[in-house]
Amino acid sequence: MIQLIQPGDPFTPQGRRRWEKIPEWAQKKILDNVFCSRCLGSVPILLETAEMKGKDLILRGKCKYCGKDVCRLVEPEDE
């Protein structure tokens, strides 16, 4: 397994506020299920950045297994 260094806090202030609205069980599920095009499946993400783009939370990082760049979109809550 590849060892990658993660930043201390990858969240922007707005990203942190949105992330904290998500229940802890759902946060874990989100971080453990990101698609990797090299591994061709669902993998854990080593989170590098988390920022808001409009109403979406964008999580970017590396595949925990192969190190490829991966991304996860967290859509807004129903309004």
PDB file of N, CA and C in Angstrom:
ATOM      1  N   MET A   1       0.835  -1.178   0.000  1.00  0.00           N
ATOM      2  CA  MET A   1       0.000   0.000   0.000  1.00  0.00           C
ATOM      3  C   MET A   1       0.884   1.248   0.000  1.00  0.00           C
ATOM      4  N   ILE A   2       0.462   2.272  -0.711  1.00  0.00           N
ATOM      5  CA  ILE A   2       1.198   3.524  -0.825  1.00  0.00           C
ATOM      6  C   ILE A   2       0.921   4.390   0.397  1.00  0.00           C
ATOM      7  N   GLN A   3       1.940   4.973   0.965  1.00  0.00           N
ATOM      8  CA  GLN A   3       1.787   5.881   2.093  1.00  0.00           C
ATOM      9  C   GLN A   3       1.802   7.314   1.575  1.00  0.00           C
ATOM     10  N   LEU A   4       0.741   8.041   1.794  1.00  0.00           N
ATOM     11  CA  LEU A   4       0.646   9.424   1.346  1.00  0.00           C
ATOM     12  C   LEU A   4       0.452  10.333   2.546  1.00  0.00           C
ATOM     13  N   ILE A   5       1.028  11.509   2.480  1.00  0.00           N
ATOM     14  CA  ILE A   5       0.895  12.484   3.557  1.00  0.00           C
ATOM     15  C   ILE A   5      -0.364  13.307   3.310  1.00  0.00           C
ATOM     16  N   GLN A   6      -1.185  13.417   4.350  1.00  0.00           N
ATOM     17  CA  GLN A   6      -2.399  14.212   4.248  1.00  0.00           C
ATOM     18  C   GLN A   6      -2.200  15.526   4.998  1.00  0.00           C
ATOM     19  N   PRO A   7      -2.801  16.611   4.496  1.00  0.00           N
ATOM     20  CA  PRO A   7      -2.686  17.888   5.210  1.00  0.00           C
ATOM     21  C   PRO A   7      -3.455  17.823   6.521  1.00  0.00           C
ATOM     22  N   GLY A   8      -3.112  18.739   7.441  1.00  0.00           N
ATOM     23  CA  GLY A   8      -3.757  18.757   8.746  1.00  0.00           C
ATOM     24  C   GLY A   8      -5.264  18.930   8.656  1.00  0.00           C
ATOM     25  N   ASP A   9      -5.736  19.940   7.963  1.00  0.00           N
ATOM     26  CA  ASP A   9      -7.163  20.160   7.799  1.00  0.00           C
ATOM     27  C   ASP A   9      -7.428  20.535   6.345  1.00  0.00           C
ATOM     28  N   PRO A  10      -7.978  19.603   5.584  1.00  0.00           N
ATOM     29  CA  PRO A  10      -8.184  19.857   4.159  1.00  0.00           C
ATOM     30  C   PRO A  10      -9.397  20.736   3.837  1.00  0.00           C
ATOM     31  N   PHE A  11     -10.196  21.063   4.844  1.00  0.00           N
ATOM     32  CA  PHE A  11     -11.459  21.770   4.614  1.00  0.00           C
ATOM     33  C   PHE A  11     -11.313  23.282   4.559  1.00  0.00           C
ATOM     34  N   THR A  12     -11.989  23.890   3.582  1.00  0.00           N
ATOM     35  CA  THR A  12     -12.175  25.335   3.607  1.00  0.00           C
ATOM     36  C   THR A  12     -13.225  25.611   4.680  1.00  0.00           C
ATOM     37  N   PRO A  13     -13.348  26.841   5.172  1.00  0.00           N
ATOM     38  CA  PRO A  13     -14.366  27.121   6.200  1.00  0.00           C
ATOM     39  C   PRO A  13     -15.785  26.735   5.758  1.00  0.00           C
ATOM     40  N   GLN A  14     -16.142  27.043   4.507  1.00  0.00           N
ATOM     41  CA  GLN A  14     -17.476  26.698   4.009  1.00  0.00           C
ATOM     42  C   GLN A  14     -17.626  25.183   3.872  1.00  0.00           C
ATOM     43  N   GLY A  15     -16.571  24.521   3.415  1.00  0.00           N
ATOM     44  CA  GLY A  15     -16.586  23.069   3.293  1.00  0.00           C
ATOM     45  C   GLY A  15     -16.750  22.398   4.642  1.00  0.00           C
ATOM     46  N   ARG A  16     -16.074  22.919   5.654  1.00  0.00           N
ATOM     47  CA  ARG A  16     -16.178  22.376   7.016  1.00  0.00           C
ATOM     48  C   ARG A  16     -17.608  22.492   7.533  1.00  0.00           C
ATOM     49  N   ARG A  17     -18.232  23.655   7.321  1.00  0.00           N
ATOM     50  CA  ARG A  17     -19.622  23.845   7.786  1.00  0.00           C
ATOM     51  C   ARG A  17     -20.562  22.842   7.123  1.00  0.00           C
ATOM     52  N   ARG A  18     -20.389  22.621   5.826  1.00  0.00           N
ATOM     53  CA  ARG A  18     -21.251  21.664   5.114  1.00  0.00           C
ATOM     54  C   ARG A  18     -20.987  20.242   5.594  1.00  0.00           C
ATOM     55  N   TRP A  19     -19.720  19.880   5.770  1.00  0.00           N
ATOM     56  CA  TRP A  19     -19.338  18.530   6.217  1.00  0.00           C
ATOM     57  C   TRP A  19     -19.904  18.232   7.596  1.00  0.00           C
ATOM     58  N   GLU A  20     -19.904  19.202   8.484  1.00  0.00           N
ATOM     59  CA  GLU A  20     -20.385  18.991   9.848  1.00  0.00           C
ATOM     60  C   GLU A  20     -21.898  18.796   9.916  1.00  0.00           C
ATOM     61  N   LYS A  21     -22.607  19.138   8.852  1.00  0.00           N
ATOM     62  CA  LYS A  21     -24.064  18.890   8.790  1.00  0.00           C
ATOM     63  C   LYS A  21     -24.376  17.435   8.444  1.00  0.00           C
ATOM     64  N   ILE A  22     -23.373  16.697   7.968  1.00  0.00           N
ATOM     65  CA  ILE A  22     -23.551  15.297   7.574  1.00  0.00           C
ATOM     66  C   ILE A  22     -23.333  14.420   8.800  1.00  0.00           C
ATOM     67  N   PRO A  23     -24.244  13.479   9.067  1.00  0.00           N
ATOM     68  CA  PRO A  23     -24.054  12.581  10.217  1.00  0.00           C
ATOM     69  C   PRO A  23     -22.739  11.813  10.114  1.00  0.00           C
ATOM     70  N   GLU A  24     -22.156  11.492  11.267  1.00  0.00           N
ATOM     71  CA  GLU A  24     -20.852  10.832  11.297  1.00  0.00           C
ATOM     72  C   GLU A  24     -20.850   9.509  10.529  1.00  0.00           C
ATOM     73  N   TRP A  25     -21.917   8.727  10.637  1.00  0.00           N
ATOM     74  CA  TRP A  25     -21.979   7.446   9.930  1.00  0.00           C
ATOM     75  C   TRP A  25     -21.945   7.669   8.419  1.00  0.00           C
ATOM     76  N   ALA A  26     -22.589   8.743   7.952  1.00  0.00           N
ATOM     77  CA  ALA A  26     -22.610   9.044   6.519  1.00  0.00           C
ATOM     78  C   ALA A  26     -21.254   9.587   6.061  1.00  0.00           C
ATOM     79  N   GLN A  27     -20.576  10.363   6.905  1.00  0.00           N
ATOM     80  CA  GLN A  27     -19.239  10.854   6.567  1.00  0.00           C
ATOM     81  C   GLN A  27     -18.307   9.672   6.292  1.00  0.00           C
ATOM     82  N   LYS A  28     -18.338   8.679   7.170  1.00  0.00           N
ATOM     83  CA  LYS A  28     -17.481   7.503   7.008  1.00  0.00           C
ATOM     84  C   LYS A  28     -17.810   6.777   5.707  1.00  0.00           C
ATOM     85  N   LYS A  29     -19.097   6.623   5.419  1.00  0.00           N
ATOM     86  CA  LYS A  29     -19.512   5.937   4.189  1.00  0.00           C
ATOM     87  C   LYS A  29     -19.027   6.691   2.946  1.00  0.00           C
ATOM     88  N   ILE A  30     -19.116   8.009   2.985  1.00  0.00           N
ATOM     89  CA  ILE A  30     -18.662   8.837   1.861  1.00  0.00           C
ATOM     90  C   ILE A  30     -17.157   8.666   1.641  1.00  0.00           C
ATOM     91  N   LEU A  31     -16.375   8.761   2.711  1.00  0.00           N
ATOM     92  CA  LEU A  31     -14.912   8.675   2.600  1.00  0.00           C
ATOM     93  C   LEU A  31     -14.427   7.276   2.224  1.00  0.00           C
ATOM     94  N   ASP A  32     -15.214   6.254   2.536  1.00  0.00           N
ATOM     95  CA  ASP A  32     -14.819   4.873   2.241  1.00  0.00           C
ATOM     96  C   ASP A  32     -15.285   4.400   0.870  1.00  0.00           C
ATOM     97  N   ASN A  33     -16.064   5.227   0.150  1.00  0.00           N
ATOM     98  CA  ASN A  33     -16.655   4.790  -1.114  1.00  0.00           C
ATOM     99  C   ASN A  33     -16.483   5.836  -2.211  1.00  0.00           C
ATOM    100  N   VAL A  34     -15.279   5.921  -2.732  1.00  0.00           N
ATOM    101  CA  VAL A  34     -14.960   6.833  -3.829  1.00  0.00           C
ATOM    102  C   VAL A  34     -14.488   5.970  -4.999  1.00  0.00           C
ATOM    103  N   PHE A  35     -14.945   6.273  -6.211  1.00  0.00           N
ATOM    104  CA  PHE A  35     -14.562   5.455  -7.359  1.00  0.00           C
ATOM    105  C   PHE A  35     -13.145   5.782  -7.823  1.00  0.00           C
ATOM    106  N   CYS A  36     -12.351   4.746  -8.025  1.00  0.00           N
ATOM    107  CA  CYS A  36     -11.000   4.888  -8.571  1.00  0.00           C
ATOM    108  C   CYS A  36     -10.971   4.231  -9.946  1.00  0.00           C
ATOM    109  N   SER A  37     -10.587   5.005 -10.963  1.00  0.00           N
ATOM    110  CA  SER A  37     -10.563   4.477 -12.329  1.00  0.00           C
ATOM    111  C   SER A  37      -9.382   3.535 -12.578  1.00  0.00           C
ATOM    112  N   ARG A  38      -8.385   3.560 -11.725  1.00  0.00           N
ATOM    113  CA  ARG A  38      -7.270   2.613 -11.866  1.00  0.00           C
ATOM    114  C   ARG A  38      -7.608   1.285 -11.188  1.00  0.00           C
ATOM    115  N   CYS A  39      -8.180   1.346  -9.995  1.00  0.00           N
ATOM    116  CA  CYS A  39      -8.567   0.127  -9.269  1.00  0.00           C
ATOM    117  C   CYS A  39      -9.896  -0.437  -9.787  1.00  0.00           C
ATOM    118  N   LEU A  40     -10.643   0.385 -10.532  1.00  0.00           N
ATOM    119  CA  LEU A  40     -11.932   0.009 -11.107  1.00  0.00           C
ATOM    120  C   LEU A  40     -12.945  -0.418 -10.049  1.00  0.00           C
ATOM    121  N   GLY A  41     -12.994   0.363  -8.997  1.00  0.00           N
ATOM    122  CA  GLY A  41     -13.962   0.061  -7.950  1.00  0.00           C
ATOM    123  C   GLY A  41     -14.002   1.131  -6.890  1.00  0.00           C
ATOM    124  N   SER A  42     -14.782   0.856  -5.875  1.00  0.00           N
ATOM    125  CA  SER A  42     -14.963   1.768  -4.756  1.00  0.00           C
ATOM    126  C   SER A  42     -13.813   1.598  -3.763  1.00  0.00           C
ATOM    127  N   VAL A  43     -13.179   2.711  -3.395  1.00  0.00           N
ATOM    128  CA  VAL A  43     -12.003   2.688  -2.527  1.00  0.00           C
ATOM    129  C   VAL A  43     -12.100   3.801  -1.492  1.00  0.00           C
ATOM    130  N   PRO A  44     -11.340   3.719  -0.409  1.00  0.00           N
ATOM    131  CA  PRO A  44     -11.250   4.844   0.529  1.00  0.00           C
ATOM    132  C   PRO A  44     -10.419   5.976  -0.080  1.00  0.00           C
ATOM    133  N   ILE A  45     -10.749   7.200   0.264  1.00  0.00           N
ATOM    134  CA  ILE A  45     -10.013   8.373  -0.207  1.00  0.00           C
ATOM    135  C   ILE A  45      -9.088   8.873   0.894  1.00  0.00           C
ATOM    136  N   LEU A  46      -7.879   9.261   0.508  1.00  0.00           N
ATOM    137  CA  LEU A  46      -6.980   9.993   1.395  1.00  0.00           C
ATOM    138  C   LEU A  46      -7.224  11.464   1.056  1.00  0.00           C
ATOM    139  N   LEU A  47      -8.013  12.118   1.871  1.00  0.00           N
ATOM    140  CA  LEU A  47      -8.521  13.450   1.586  1.00  0.00           C
ATOM    141  C   LEU A  47      -7.418  14.502   1.585  1.00  0.00           C
ATOM    142  N   GLU A  48      -7.372  15.297   0.516  1.00  0.00           N
ATOM    143  CA  GLU A  48      -6.406  16.390   0.399  1.00  0.00           C
ATOM    144  C   GLU A  48      -7.079  17.748   0.459  1.00  0.00           C
ATOM    145  N   THR A  49      -8.229  17.901  -0.224  1.00  0.00           N
ATOM    146  CA  THR A  49      -8.958  19.164  -0.186  1.00  0.00           C
ATOM    147  C   THR A  49     -10.456  18.893  -0.121  1.00  0.00           C
ATOM    148  N   ALA A  50     -11.162  19.817   0.502  1.00  0.00           N
ATOM    149  CA  ALA A  50     -12.616  19.748   0.600  1.00  0.00           C
ATOM    150  C   ALA A  50     -13.132  21.181   0.524  1.00  0.00           C
ATOM    151  N   GLU A  51     -13.829  21.485  -0.577  1.00  0.00           N
ATOM    152  CA  GLU A  51     -14.286  22.853  -0.772  1.00  0.00           C
ATOM    153  C   GLU A  51     -15.667  22.872  -1.406  1.00  0.00           C
ATOM    154  N   MET A  52     -16.345  23.958  -1.230  1.00  0.00           N
ATOM    155  CA  MET A  52     -17.657  24.144  -1.823  1.00  0.00           C
ATOM    156  C   MET A  52     -17.508  24.723  -3.222  1.00  0.00           C
ATOM    157  N   LYS A  53     -18.303  24.211  -4.149  1.00  0.00           N
ATOM    158  CA  LYS A  53     -18.451  24.764  -5.504  1.00  0.00           C
ATOM    159  C   LYS A  53     -19.946  24.949  -5.679  1.00  0.00           C
ATOM    160  N   GLY A  54     -20.391  26.177  -5.528  1.00  0.00           N
ATOM    161  CA  GLY A  54     -21.831  26.411  -5.529  1.00  0.00           C
ATOM    162  C   GLY A  54     -22.421  25.754  -4.296  1.00  0.00           C
ATOM    163  N   LYS A  55     -23.368  24.856  -4.498  1.00  0.00           N
ATOM    164  CA  LYS A  55     -24.002  24.152  -3.371  1.00  0.00           C
ATOM    165  C   LYS A  55     -23.428  22.754  -3.156  1.00  0.00           C
ATOM    166  N   ASP A  56     -22.429  22.371  -3.959  1.00  0.00           N
ATOM    167  CA  ASP A  56     -21.832  21.040  -3.864  1.00  0.00           C
ATOM    168  C   ASP A  56     -20.536  21.072  -3.058  1.00  0.00           C
ATOM    169  N   LEU A  57     -20.324  20.044  -2.264  1.00  0.00           N
ATOM    170  CA  LEU A  57     -19.061  19.860  -1.556  1.00  0.00           C
ATOM    171  C   LEU A  57     -18.210  18.925  -2.403  1.00  0.00           C
ATOM    172  N   ILE A  58     -17.017  19.371  -2.771  1.00  0.00           N
ATOM    173  CA  ILE A  58     -16.111  18.585  -3.610  1.00  0.00           C
ATOM    174  C   ILE A  58     -14.956  18.084  -2.745  1.00  0.00           C
ATOM    175  N   LEU A  59     -14.836  16.769  -2.650  1.00  0.00           N
ATOM    176  CA  LEU A  59     -13.747  16.135  -1.902  1.00  0.00           C
ATOM    177  C   LEU A  59     -12.731  15.624  -2.916  1.00  0.00           C
ATOM    178  N   ARG A  60     -11.484  16.048  -2.796  1.00  0.00           N
ATOM    179  CA  ARG A  60     -10.423  15.606  -3.701  1.00  0.00           C
ATOM    180  C   ARG A  60      -9.298  14.979  -2.880  1.00  0.00           C
ATOM    181  N   GLY A  61      -8.695  13.961  -3.457  1.00  0.00           N
ATOM    182  CA  GLY A  61      -7.593  13.313  -2.763  1.00  0.00           C
ATOM    183  C   GLY A  61      -7.003  12.200  -3.606  1.00  0.00           C
ATOM    184  N   LYS A  62      -6.454  11.213  -2.925  1.00  0.00           N
ATOM    185  CA  LYS A  62      -5.790  10.078  -3.575  1.00  0.00           C
ATOM    186  C   LYS A  62      -6.464   8.778  -3.157  1.00  0.00           C
ATOM    187  N   CYS A  63      -6.447   7.809  -4.075  1.00  0.00           N
ATOM    188  CA  CYS A  63      -6.910   6.463  -3.760  1.00  0.00           C
ATOM    189  C   CYS A  63      -5.989   5.898  -2.674  1.00  0.00           C
ATOM    190  N   LYS A  64      -6.580   5.318  -1.665  1.00  0.00           N
ATOM    191  CA  LYS A  64      -5.792   4.763  -0.564  1.00  0.00           C
ATOM    192  C   LYS A  64      -4.912   3.597  -1.025  1.00  0.00           C
ATOM    193  N   TYR A  65      -5.319   2.917  -2.092  1.00  0.00           N
ATOM    194  CA  TYR A  65      -4.597   1.721  -2.524  1.00  0.00           C
ATOM    195  C   TYR A  65      -3.531   1.991  -3.577  1.00  0.00           C
ATOM    196  N   CYS A  66      -3.835   2.824  -4.587  1.00  0.00           N
ATOM    197  CA  CYS A  66      -2.874   2.986  -5.688  1.00  0.00           C
ATOM    198  C   CYS A  66      -2.320   4.408  -5.811  1.00  0.00           C
ATOM    199  N   GLY A  67      -2.921   5.381  -5.121  1.00  0.00           N
ATOM    200  CA  GLY A  67      -2.409   6.744  -5.150  1.00  0.00           C
ATOM    201  C   GLY A  67      -2.936   7.616  -6.280  1.00  0.00           C
ATOM    202  N   LYS A  68      -3.825   7.083  -7.123  1.00  0.00           N
ATOM    203  CA  LYS A  68      -4.397   7.878  -8.222  1.00  0.00           C
ATOM    204  C   LYS A  68      -5.292   8.977  -7.665  1.00  0.00           C
ATOM    205  N   ASP A  69      -5.333  10.115  -8.366  1.00  0.00           N
ATOM    206  CA  ASP A  69      -6.237  11.195  -7.980  1.00  0.00           C
ATOM    207  C   ASP A  69      -7.680  10.728  -8.088  1.00  0.00           C
ATOM    208  N   VAL A  70      -8.463  11.007  -7.045  1.00  0.00           N
ATOM    209  CA  VAL A  70      -9.887  10.681  -7.037  1.00  0.00           C
ATOM    210  C   VAL A  70     -10.663  11.886  -6.523  1.00  0.00           C
ATOM    211  N   CYS A  71     -11.951  11.883  -6.798  1.00  0.00           N
ATOM    212  CA  CYS A  71     -12.814  12.999  -6.423  1.00  0.00           C
ATOM    213  C   CYS A  71     -14.178  12.456  -6.041  1.00  0.00           C
ATOM    214  N   ARG A  72     -14.817  13.097  -5.067  1.00  0.00           N
ATOM    215  CA  ARG A  72     -16.170  12.704  -4.653  1.00  0.00           C
ATOM    216  C   ARG A  72     -17.013  13.957  -4.534  1.00  0.00           C
ATOM    217  N   LEU A  73     -18.179  13.935  -5.145  1.00  0.00           N
ATOM    218  CA  LEU A  73     -19.126  15.046  -5.083  1.00  0.00           C
ATOM    219  C   LEU A  73     -20.164  14.731  -4.029  1.00  0.00           C
ATOM    220  N   VAL A  74     -20.382  15.668  -3.095  1.00  0.00           N
ATOM    221  CA  VAL A  74     -21.446  15.535  -2.107  1.00  0.00           C
ATOM    222  C   VAL A  74     -22.479  16.579  -2.459  1.00  0.00           C
ATOM    223  N   GLU A  75     -23.619  16.121  -2.945  1.00  0.00           N
ATOM    224  CA  GLU A  75     -24.659  17.031  -3.395  1.00  0.00           C
ATOM    225  C   GLU A  75     -25.333  17.705  -2.208  1.00  0.00           C
ATOM    226  N   PRO A  76     -26.005  18.839  -2.458  1.00  0.00           N
ATOM    227  CA  PRO A  76     -26.658  19.563  -1.375  1.00  0.00           C
ATOM    228  C   PRO A  76     -27.838  18.794  -0.813  1.00  0.00           C
ATOM    229  N   GLU A  77     -28.156  19.136   0.429  1.00  0.00           N
ATOM    230  CA  GLU A  77     -29.343  18.553   1.063  1.00  0.00           C
ATOM    231  C   GLU A  77     -30.575  19.066   0.342  1.00  0.00           C
ATOM    232  N   ASP A  78     -31.657  18.337   0.449  1.00  0.00           N
ATOM    233  CA  ASP A  78     -32.917  18.802  -0.121  1.00  0.00           C
ATOM    234  C   ASP A  78     -33.325  20.090   0.572  1.00  0.00           C
ATOM    235  N   GLU A  79     -33.728  21.058  -0.225  1.00  0.00           N
ATOM    236  CA  GLU A  79     -34.094  22.363   0.347  1.00  0.00           C
ATOM    237  C   GLU A  79     -35.578  22.535   0.350  1.00  0.00           C
TER     238      GLU A  79
END
